[in-house]
Amino acid sequence: MYYYRMMDVNDGGYGLIMMLLWALFIAVIIFLVVRLIKSTRPEVVHRPKPLDIAKARYAKGEIDKKEFEQIKKDIND
């Protein structure tokens, strides 16, 4: 009667090596799938709000108070 034992005493440890190789193979596949999923996700790009741009331009002196107030009014309408 023949039966298979994964880690037979006389197999020289090949059963253990095969289990470890399969575990490594599965781990590599999981790692690659996760990495692929992360790389296909679009990155969130922070875009400044129009009012923040107007505030920065006003602070730099590119626009005066009247223009800033007009932009603020236009944005809120």
PDB file of N, CA and C in Angstrom:
ATOM      1  N   MET A   1       0.859  -1.185   0.000  1.00  0.00           N
ATOM      2  CA  MET A   1       0.000   0.000   0.000  1.00  0.00           C
ATOM      3  C   MET A   1       0.893   1.232   0.000  1.00  0.00           C
ATOM      4  N   TYR A   2       0.654   2.111  -0.963  1.00  0.00           N
ATOM      5  CA  TYR A   2       1.485   3.303  -1.128  1.00  0.00           C
ATOM      6  C   TYR A   2       0.716   4.529  -0.658  1.00  0.00           C
ATOM      7  N   TYR A   3       1.399   5.355   0.065  1.00  0.00           N
ATOM      8  CA  TYR A   3       0.806   6.630   0.434  1.00  0.00           C
ATOM      9  C   TYR A   3       1.903   7.692   0.367  1.00  0.00           C
ATOM     10  N   TYR A   4       1.498   8.921   0.134  1.00  0.00           N
ATOM     11  CA  TYR A   4       2.457  10.014  -0.042  1.00  0.00           C
ATOM     12  C   TYR A   4       2.563  10.809   1.245  1.00  0.00           C
ATOM     13  N   ARG A   5       3.770  11.000   1.675  1.00  0.00           N
ATOM     14  CA  ARG A   5       4.001  11.874   2.823  1.00  0.00           C
ATOM     15  C   ARG A   5       4.803  13.078   2.330  1.00  0.00           C
ATOM     16  N   MET A   6       4.370  14.277   2.713  1.00  0.00           N
ATOM     17  CA  MET A   6       4.990  15.499   2.212  1.00  0.00           C
ATOM     18  C   MET A   6       6.460  15.572   2.610  1.00  0.00           C
ATOM     19  N   MET A   7       6.770  15.300   3.853  1.00  0.00           N
ATOM     20  CA  MET A   7       8.144  15.409   4.319  1.00  0.00           C
ATOM     21  C   MET A   7       8.613  14.054   4.855  1.00  0.00           C
ATOM     22  N   ASP A   8       8.864  13.184   3.944  1.00  0.00           N
ATOM     23  CA  ASP A   8       9.343  11.860   4.323  1.00  0.00           C
ATOM     24  C   ASP A   8      10.774  11.980   4.843  1.00  0.00           C
ATOM     25  N   VAL A   9      11.135  11.140   5.767  1.00  0.00           N
ATOM     26  CA  VAL A   9      12.474  11.183   6.358  1.00  0.00           C
ATOM     27  C   VAL A   9      13.531  10.900   5.306  1.00  0.00           C
ATOM     28  N   ASN A  10      13.220  10.102   4.324  1.00  0.00           N
ATOM     29  CA  ASN A  10      14.202   9.686   3.340  1.00  0.00           C
ATOM     30  C   ASN A  10      14.210  10.538   2.077  1.00  0.00           C
ATOM     31  N   ASP A  11      13.417  11.592   2.001  1.00  0.00           N
ATOM     32  CA  ASP A  11      13.365  12.372   0.758  1.00  0.00           C
ATOM     33  C   ASP A  11      14.397  13.482   0.722  1.00  0.00           C
ATOM     34  N   GLY A  12      15.207  13.628   1.714  1.00  0.00           N
ATOM     35  CA  GLY A  12      16.257  14.636   1.711  1.00  0.00           C
ATOM     36  C   GLY A  12      15.748  16.050   1.919  1.00  0.00           C
ATOM     37  N   GLY A  13      14.527  16.210   2.344  1.00  0.00           N
ATOM     38  CA  GLY A  13      13.986  17.545   2.604  1.00  0.00           C
ATOM     39  C   GLY A  13      13.368  18.217   1.392  1.00  0.00           C
ATOM     40  N   TYR A  14      13.218  17.491   0.284  1.00  0.00           N
ATOM     41  CA  TYR A  14      12.665  18.104  -0.921  1.00  0.00           C
ATOM     42  C   TYR A  14      11.213  18.523  -0.753  1.00  0.00           C
ATOM     43  N   GLY A  15      10.480  17.825   0.077  1.00  0.00           N
ATOM     44  CA  GLY A  15       9.087  18.210   0.318  1.00  0.00           C
ATOM     45  C   GLY A  15       9.004  19.570   0.979  1.00  0.00           C
ATOM     46  N   LEU A  16       9.865  19.808   1.941  1.00  0.00           N
ATOM     47  CA  LEU A  16       9.909  21.112   2.619  1.00  0.00           C
ATOM     48  C   LEU A  16      10.352  22.200   1.663  1.00  0.00           C
ATOM     49  N   ILE A  17      11.344  21.900   0.854  1.00  0.00           N
ATOM     50  CA  ILE A  17      11.839  22.884  -0.119  1.00  0.00           C
ATOM     51  C   ILE A  17      10.735  23.234  -1.108  1.00  0.00           C
ATOM     52  N   MET A  18      10.003  22.239  -1.577  1.00  0.00           N
ATOM     53  CA  MET A  18       8.913  22.511  -2.522  1.00  0.00           C
ATOM     54  C   MET A  18       7.819  23.354  -1.879  1.00  0.00           C
ATOM     55  N   MET A  19       7.495  23.090  -0.625  1.00  0.00           N
ATOM     56  CA  MET A  19       6.494  23.909   0.065  1.00  0.00           C
ATOM     57  C   MET A  19       6.971  25.352   0.170  1.00  0.00           C
ATOM     58  N   LEU A  20       8.231  25.545   0.521  1.00  0.00           N
ATOM     59  CA  LEU A  20       8.773  26.896   0.642  1.00  0.00           C
ATOM     60  C   LEU A  20       8.810  27.608  -0.711  1.00  0.00           C
ATOM     61  N   LEU A  21       9.162  26.874  -1.766  1.00  0.00           N
ATOM     62  CA  LEU A  21       9.168  27.487  -3.104  1.00  0.00           C
ATOM     63  C   LEU A  21       7.767  27.901  -3.536  1.00  0.00           C
ATOM     64  N   TRP A  22       6.777  27.062  -3.261  1.00  0.00           N
ATOM     65  CA  TRP A  22       5.405  27.430  -3.599  1.00  0.00           C
ATOM     66  C   TRP A  22       4.934  28.633  -2.782  1.00  0.00           C
ATOM     67  N   ALA A  23       5.288  28.665  -1.509  1.00  0.00           N
ATOM     68  CA  ALA A  23       4.911  29.816  -0.671  1.00  0.00           C
ATOM     69  C   ALA A  23       5.569  31.090  -1.191  1.00  0.00           C
ATOM     70  N   LEU A  24       6.837  30.988  -1.590  1.00  0.00           N
ATOM     71  CA  LEU A  24       7.540  32.146  -2.154  1.00  0.00           C
ATOM     72  C   LEU A  24       6.894  32.586  -3.463  1.00  0.00           C
ATOM     73  N   PHE A  25       6.547  31.635  -4.302  1.00  0.00           N
ATOM     74  CA  PHE A  25       5.897  31.933  -5.577  1.00  0.00           C
ATOM     75  C   PHE A  25       4.569  32.664  -5.365  1.00  0.00           C
ATOM     76  N   ILE A  26       3.771  32.171  -4.455  1.00  0.00           N
ATOM     77  CA  ILE A  26       2.474  32.801  -4.163  1.00  0.00           C
ATOM     78  C   ILE A  26       2.674  34.197  -3.582  1.00  0.00           C
ATOM     79  N   ALA A  27       3.665  34.367  -2.697  1.00  0.00           N
ATOM     80  CA  ALA A  27       3.946  35.682  -2.110  1.00  0.00           C
ATOM     81  C   ALA A  27       4.371  36.677  -3.190  1.00  0.00           C
ATOM     82  N   VAL A  28       5.181  36.246  -4.141  1.00  0.00           N
ATOM     83  CA  VAL A  28       5.622  37.128  -5.231  1.00  0.00           C
ATOM     84  C   VAL A  28       4.439  37.520  -6.100  1.00  0.00           C
ATOM     85  N   ILE A  29       3.563  36.591  -6.393  1.00  0.00           N
ATOM     86  CA  ILE A  29       2.376  36.897  -7.199  1.00  0.00           C
ATOM     87  C   ILE A  29       1.495  37.914  -6.482  1.00  0.00           C
ATOM     88  N   ILE A  30       1.261  37.733  -5.208  1.00  0.00           N
ATOM     89  CA  ILE A  30       0.451  38.681  -4.431  1.00  0.00           C
ATOM     90  C   ILE A  30       1.107  40.055  -4.417  1.00  0.00           C
ATOM     91  N   PHE A  31       2.430  40.090  -4.216  1.00  0.00           N
ATOM     92  CA  PHE A  31       3.154  41.361  -4.212  1.00  0.00           C
ATOM     93  C   PHE A  31       2.998  42.077  -5.550  1.00  0.00           C
ATOM     94  N   LEU A  32       3.138  41.348  -6.658  1.00  0.00           N
ATOM     95  CA  LEU A  32       3.028  41.971  -7.978  1.00  0.00           C
ATOM     96  C   LEU A  32       1.615  42.473  -8.259  1.00  0.00           C
ATOM     97  N   VAL A  33       0.608  41.730  -7.837  1.00  0.00           N
ATOM     98  CA  VAL A  33      -0.776  42.167  -8.047  1.00  0.00           C
ATOM     99  C   VAL A  33      -1.058  43.439  -7.252  1.00  0.00           C
ATOM    100  N   VAL A  34      -0.628  43.486  -6.010  1.00  0.00           N
ATOM    101  CA  VAL A  34      -0.837  44.682  -5.181  1.00  0.00           C
ATOM    102  C   VAL A  34      -0.115  45.872  -5.786  1.00  0.00           C
ATOM    103  N   ARG A  35       1.100  45.659  -6.241  1.00  0.00           N
ATOM    104  CA  ARG A  35       1.869  46.756  -6.854  1.00  0.00           C
ATOM    105  C   ARG A  35       1.198  47.240  -8.130  1.00  0.00           C
ATOM    106  N   LEU A  36       0.661  46.339  -8.932  1.00  0.00           N
ATOM    107  CA  LEU A  36      -0.040  46.715 -10.152  1.00  0.00           C
ATOM    108  C   LEU A  36      -1.288  47.531  -9.836  1.00  0.00           C
ATOM    109  N   ILE A  37      -2.027  47.114  -8.826  1.00  0.00           N
ATOM    110  CA  ILE A  37      -3.231  47.848  -8.442  1.00  0.00           C
ATOM    111  C   ILE A  37      -2.874  49.248  -7.971  1.00  0.00           C
ATOM    112  N   LYS A  38      -1.816  49.381  -7.173  1.00  0.00           N
ATOM    113  CA  LYS A  38      -1.412  50.699  -6.682  1.00  0.00           C
ATOM    114  C   LYS A  38      -0.942  51.597  -7.817  1.00  0.00           C
ATOM    115  N   SER A  39      -0.282  51.044  -8.822  1.00  0.00           N
ATOM    116  CA  SER A  39       0.251  51.868  -9.903  1.00  0.00           C
ATOM    117  C   SER A  39      -0.832  52.338 -10.856  1.00  0.00           C
ATOM    118  N   THR A  40      -1.966  51.648 -10.922  1.00  0.00           N
ATOM    119  CA  THR A  40      -3.032  52.057 -11.827  1.00  0.00           C
ATOM    120  C   THR A  40      -4.001  53.043 -11.194  1.00  0.00           C
ATOM    121  N   ARG A  41      -3.894  53.224  -9.869  1.00  0.00           N
ATOM    122  CA  ARG A  41      -4.760  54.184  -9.194  1.00  0.00           C
ATOM    123  C   ARG A  41      -4.281  55.595  -9.498  1.00  0.00           C
ATOM    124  N   PRO A  42      -5.176  56.491  -9.910  1.00  0.00           N
ATOM    125  CA  PRO A  42      -4.731  57.862 -10.166  1.00  0.00           C
ATOM    126  C   PRO A  42      -4.344  58.562  -8.867  1.00  0.00           C
ATOM    127  N   GLU A  43      -3.268  59.288  -8.931  1.00  0.00           N
ATOM    128  CA  GLU A  43      -2.816  60.046  -7.773  1.00  0.00           C
ATOM    129  C   GLU A  43      -3.711  61.268  -7.588  1.00  0.00           C
ATOM    130  N   VAL A  44      -3.963  61.623  -6.367  1.00  0.00           N
ATOM    131  CA  VAL A  44      -4.773  62.791  -6.057  1.00  0.00           C
ATOM    132  C   VAL A  44      -3.885  64.022  -6.210  1.00  0.00           C
ATOM    133  N   VAL A  45      -4.313  64.904  -7.092  1.00  0.00           N
ATOM    134  CA  VAL A  45      -3.559  66.121  -7.339  1.00  0.00           C
ATOM    135  C   VAL A  45      -4.241  67.254  -6.593  1.00  0.00           C
ATOM    136  N   HIS A  46      -3.465  67.923  -5.763  1.00  0.00           N
ATOM    137  CA  HIS A  46      -4.023  69.056  -5.017  1.00  0.00           C
ATOM    138  C   HIS A  46      -4.037  70.272  -5.928  1.00  0.00           C
ATOM    139  N   ARG A  47      -5.226  70.769  -6.164  1.00  0.00           N
ATOM    140  CA  ARG A  47      -5.364  71.980  -6.968  1.00  0.00           C
ATOM    141  C   ARG A  47      -5.857  73.085  -6.050  1.00  0.00           C
ATOM    142  N   PRO A  48      -5.165  74.212  -6.080  1.00  0.00           N
ATOM    143  CA  PRO A  48      -5.591  75.306  -5.207  1.00  0.00           C
ATOM    144  C   PRO A  48      -6.956  75.845  -5.636  1.00  0.00           C
ATOM    145  N   LYS A  49      -7.708  76.293  -4.665  1.00  0.00           N
ATOM    146  CA  LYS A  49      -9.022  76.870  -4.932  1.00  0.00           C
ATOM    147  C   LYS A  49      -8.831  78.256  -5.537  1.00  0.00           C
ATOM    148  N   PRO A  50      -9.783  78.699  -6.360  1.00  0.00           N
ATOM    149  CA  PRO A  50      -9.659  80.014  -6.991  1.00  0.00           C
ATOM    150  C   PRO A  50      -9.474  81.156  -5.981  1.00  0.00           C
ATOM    151  N   LEU A  51     -10.169  81.082  -4.853  1.00  0.00           N
ATOM    152  CA  LEU A  51     -10.033  82.134  -3.853  1.00  0.00           C
ATOM    153  C   LEU A  51      -8.618  82.149  -3.263  1.00  0.00           C
ATOM    154  N   ASP A  52      -8.026  80.957  -3.089  1.00  0.00           N
ATOM    155  CA  ASP A  52      -6.649  80.888  -2.591  1.00  0.00           C
ATOM    156  C   ASP A  52      -5.675  81.507  -3.587  1.00  0.00           C
ATOM    157  N   ILE A  53      -5.921  81.293  -4.872  1.00  0.00           N
ATOM    158  CA  ILE A  53      -5.074  81.900  -5.906  1.00  0.00           C
ATOM    159  C   ILE A  53      -5.196  83.418  -5.859  1.00  0.00           C
ATOM    160  N   ALA A  54      -6.444  83.904  -5.724  1.00  0.00           N
ATOM    161  CA  ALA A  54      -6.675  85.349  -5.659  1.00  0.00           C
ATOM    162  C   ALA A  54      -6.000  85.944  -4.424  1.00  0.00           C
ATOM    163  N   LYS A  55      -6.082  85.239  -3.288  1.00  0.00           N
ATOM    164  CA  LYS A  55      -5.425  85.720  -2.069  1.00  0.00           C
ATOM    165  C   LYS A  55      -3.917  85.806  -2.256  1.00  0.00           C
ATOM    166  N   ALA A  56      -3.342  84.804  -2.906  1.00  0.00           N
ATOM    167  CA  ALA A  56      -1.896  84.803  -3.136  1.00  0.00           C
ATOM    168  C   ALA A  56      -1.503  85.938  -4.070  1.00  0.00           C
ATOM    169  N   ARG A  57      -2.287  86.157  -5.107  1.00  0.00           N
ATOM    170  CA  ARG A  57      -1.984  87.258  -6.042  1.00  0.00           C
ATOM    171  C   ARG A  57      -2.105  88.614  -5.347  1.00  0.00           C
ATOM    172  N   TYR A  58      -3.096  88.751  -4.478  1.00  0.00           N
ATOM    173  CA  TYR A  58      -3.271  89.995  -3.725  1.00  0.00           C
ATOM    174  C   TYR A  58      -2.095  90.210  -2.760  1.00  0.00           C
ATOM    175  N   ALA A  59      -1.663  89.129  -2.135  1.00  0.00           N
ATOM    176  CA  ALA A  59      -0.537  89.225  -1.203  1.00  0.00           C
ATOM    177  C   ALA A  59       0.753  89.586  -1.928  1.00  0.00           C
ATOM    178  N   LYS A  60       0.911  89.127  -3.158  1.00  0.00           N
ATOM    179  CA  LYS A  60       2.121  89.448  -3.934  1.00  0.00           C
ATOM    180  C   LYS A  60       2.058  90.847  -4.537  1.00  0.00           C
ATOM    181  N   GLY A  61       0.866  91.442  -4.535  1.00  0.00           N
ATOM    182  CA  GLY A  61       0.718  92.774  -5.104  1.00  0.00           C
ATOM    183  C   GLY A  61       0.401  92.749  -6.585  1.00  0.00           C
ATOM    184  N   GLU A  62       0.040  91.592  -7.127  1.00  0.00           N
ATOM    185  CA  GLU A  62      -0.280  91.486  -8.546  1.00  0.00           C
ATOM    186  C   GLU A  62      -1.634  92.119  -8.859  1.00  0.00           C
ATOM    187  N   ILE A  63      -2.543  92.107  -7.882  1.00  0.00           N
ATOM    188  CA  ILE A  63      -3.849  92.743  -8.041  1.00  0.00           C
ATOM    189  C   ILE A  63      -4.080  93.648  -6.842  1.00  0.00           C
ATOM    190  N   ASP A  64      -4.930  94.666  -7.062  1.00  0.00           N
ATOM    191  CA  ASP A  64      -5.222  95.561  -5.934  1.00  0.00           C
ATOM    192  C   ASP A  64      -6.478  95.089  -5.209  1.00  0.00           C
ATOM    193  N   LYS A  65      -6.840  95.832  -4.162  1.00  0.00           N
ATOM    194  CA  LYS A  65      -7.970  95.428  -3.317  1.00  0.00           C
ATOM    195  C   LYS A  65      -9.271  95.395  -4.101  1.00  0.00           C
ATOM    196  N   LYS A  66      -9.461  96.344  -5.009  1.00  0.00           N
ATOM    197  CA  LYS A  66     -10.695  96.406  -5.798  1.00  0.00           C
ATOM    198  C   LYS A  66     -10.830  95.150  -6.671  1.00  0.00           C
ATOM    199  N   GLU A  67      -9.732  94.775  -7.325  1.00  0.00           N
ATOM    200  CA  GLU A  67      -9.774  93.564  -8.157  1.00  0.00           C
ATOM    201  C   GLU A  67     -10.001  92.309  -7.299  1.00  0.00           C
ATOM    202  N   PHE A  68      -9.339  92.272  -6.138  1.00  0.00           N
ATOM    203  CA  PHE A  68      -9.509  91.133  -5.245  1.00  0.00           C
ATOM    204  C   PHE A  68     -10.963  91.009  -4.799  1.00  0.00           C
ATOM    205  N   GLU A  69     -11.562  92.105  -4.401  1.00  0.00           N
ATOM    206  CA  GLU A  69     -12.966  92.080  -3.964  1.00  0.00           C
ATOM    207  C   GLU A  69     -13.885  91.659  -5.107  1.00  0.00           C
ATOM    208  N   GLN A  70     -13.586  92.098  -6.333  1.00  0.00           N
ATOM    209  CA  GLN A  70     -14.398  91.714  -7.487  1.00  0.00           C
ATOM    210  C   GLN A  70     -14.281  90.205  -7.751  1.00  0.00           C
ATOM    211  N   ILE A  71     -13.059  89.680  -7.674  1.00  0.00           N
ATOM    212  CA  ILE A  71     -12.853  88.241  -7.883  1.00  0.00           C
ATOM    213  C   ILE A  71     -13.598  87.455  -6.791  1.00  0.00           C
ATOM    214  N   LYS A  72     -13.484  87.918  -5.550  1.00  0.00           N
ATOM    215  CA  LYS A  72     -14.157  87.252  -4.432  1.00  0.00           C
ATOM    216  C   LYS A  72     -15.676  87.253  -4.637  1.00  0.00           C
ATOM    217  N   LYS A  73     -16.205  88.363  -5.116  1.00  0.00           N
ATOM    218  CA  LYS A  73     -17.636  88.475  -5.382  1.00  0.00           C
ATOM    219  C   LYS A  73     -18.045  87.534  -6.504  1.00  0.00           C
ATOM    220  N   ASP A  74     -17.251  87.498  -7.567  1.00  0.00           N
ATOM    221  CA  ASP A  74     -17.548  86.626  -8.702  1.00  0.00           C
ATOM    222  C   ASP A  74     -17.521  85.141  -8.314  1.00  0.00           C
ATOM    223  N   ILE A  75     -16.571  84.788  -7.468  1.00  0.00           N
ATOM    224  CA  ILE A  75     -16.449  83.394  -7.040  1.00  0.00           C
ATOM    225  C   ILE A  75     -17.652  82.983  -6.188  1.00  0.00           C
ATOM    226  N   ASN A  76     -18.087  83.835  -5.306  1.00  0.00           N
ATOM    227  CA  ASN A  76     -19.191  83.513  -4.389  1.00  0.00           C
ATOM    228  C   ASN A  76     -20.544  83.544  -5.065  1.00  0.00           C
ATOM    229  N   ASP A  77     -20.650  84.165  -6.234  1.00  0.00           N
ATOM    230  CA  ASP A  77     -21.961  84.226  -6.930  1.00  0.00           C
ATOM    231  C   ASP A  77     -22.267  82.990  -7.684  1.00  0.00           C
TER     232      ASP A  77
END
